Amino acid sequence: MMTRPNDVTHPNKAGFPPGLGGPALRALDSAGIRSIADLVRWTEADLARLHGMGPKALGVLRTALEASGGSFRRD
């Protein structure tokens, strides 16, 4: 099966809520984060340091994580 261009530029898009752009999705993929459930192992500050992760993406992820009953790891 051939990979579609959108699968490469927006990896694991189905594992995250709408509103995340390509840079944020690629940052999550590069860090090994494949779903909202994976976010509980990360602090919000650590995510913010990922190249491509901006304030909008962090807000979308925070909202989705809280909606699922989870939260970012606290140090």
Protein backbone atom coordinates (compact mmCIF):
# COMPACT_ATOMS: atom_id res chain seq x y z
CA MET A 1 0.00 0.00 0.00
CA MET A 2 1.40 3.39 -0.92
CA THR A 3 1.60 6.17 1.62
CA ARG A 4 -0.45 9.20 0.77
CA PRO A 5 1.31 12.58 1.09
CA ASN A 6 -1.06 13.65 3.90
CA ASP A 7 -0.08 10.54 5.91
CA VAL A 8 3.53 11.69 5.83
CA THR A 9 2.91 15.37 6.54
CA HIS A 10 0.20 14.69 9.16
CA PRO A 11 1.18 11.41 10.88
CA ASN A 12 -1.29 9.86 13.33
CA LYS A 13 -3.84 12.56 12.59
CA ALA A 14 -6.64 10.14 13.53
CA GLY A 15 -5.19 9.77 17.05
CA PHE A 16 -5.65 13.45 17.89
CA PRO A 17 -8.50 15.98 17.90
CA PRO A 18 -9.11 18.36 15.00
CA GLY A 19 -7.28 21.66 15.20
CA LEU A 20 -3.73 20.35 15.31
CA GLY A 21 -1.59 21.47 12.40
CA GLY A 22 1.06 19.52 10.55
CA PRO A 23 4.01 20.86 12.56
CA ALA A 24 2.40 19.81 15.86
CA LEU A 25 1.42 16.39 14.52
CA ARG A 26 4.97 15.82 13.24
CA ALA A 27 6.40 16.94 16.61
CA LEU A 28 4.18 14.44 18.42
CA ASP A 29 5.13 11.69 15.99
CA SER A 30 8.85 12.42 16.36
CA ALA A 31 8.50 12.22 20.16
CA GLY A 32 6.73 8.85 19.94
CA ILE A 33 3.38 10.25 21.07
CA ARG A 34 0.71 8.33 19.16
CA SER A 35 -2.50 9.27 21.02
CA ILE A 36 -4.01 11.53 23.66
CA ALA A 37 -3.46 8.74 26.20
CA ASP A 38 0.32 9.00 25.65
CA LEU A 39 0.31 12.62 26.84
CA VAL A 40 0.00 11.66 30.54
CA ARG A 41 3.71 10.72 30.48
CA TRP A 42 4.69 14.27 29.48
CA THR A 43 4.74 17.61 31.25
CA GLU A 44 3.22 20.53 29.39
CA ALA A 45 6.61 22.29 29.54
CA ASP A 46 8.33 19.31 27.89
CA LEU A 47 5.76 19.31 25.09
CA ALA A 48 6.17 23.06 24.61
CA ARG A 49 9.89 22.51 23.92
CA LEU A 50 9.18 20.22 20.95
CA HIS A 51 9.92 21.88 17.62
CA GLY A 52 6.57 22.59 15.96
CA MET A 53 4.50 22.65 19.14
CA GLY A 54 2.90 26.05 19.68
CA PRO A 55 0.44 27.55 22.16
CA LYS A 56 -2.60 26.69 20.03
CA ALA A 57 -1.62 23.03 19.76
CA LEU A 58 -0.90 22.84 23.48
CA GLY A 59 -4.35 24.25 24.21
CA VAL A 60 -6.03 21.71 21.92
CA LEU A 61 -4.09 18.87 23.54
CA ARG A 62 -4.77 20.12 27.10
CA THR A 63 -8.50 20.34 26.40
CA ALA A 64 -8.61 16.87 24.84
CA LEU A 65 -6.60 15.35 27.68
CA GLU A 66 -8.83 16.92 30.34
CA ALA A 67 -11.95 15.79 28.46
CA SER A 68 -10.64 12.22 28.63
CA GLY A 69 -10.14 12.53 32.39
CA GLY A 70 -6.36 12.80 32.19
CA SER A 71 -3.78 15.48 32.84
CA PHE A 72 -0.20 16.24 31.94
CA ARG A 73 2.47 14.80 34.23
CA ARG A 74 3.50 17.11 37.05
CA ASP A 75 7.10 17.47 38.17
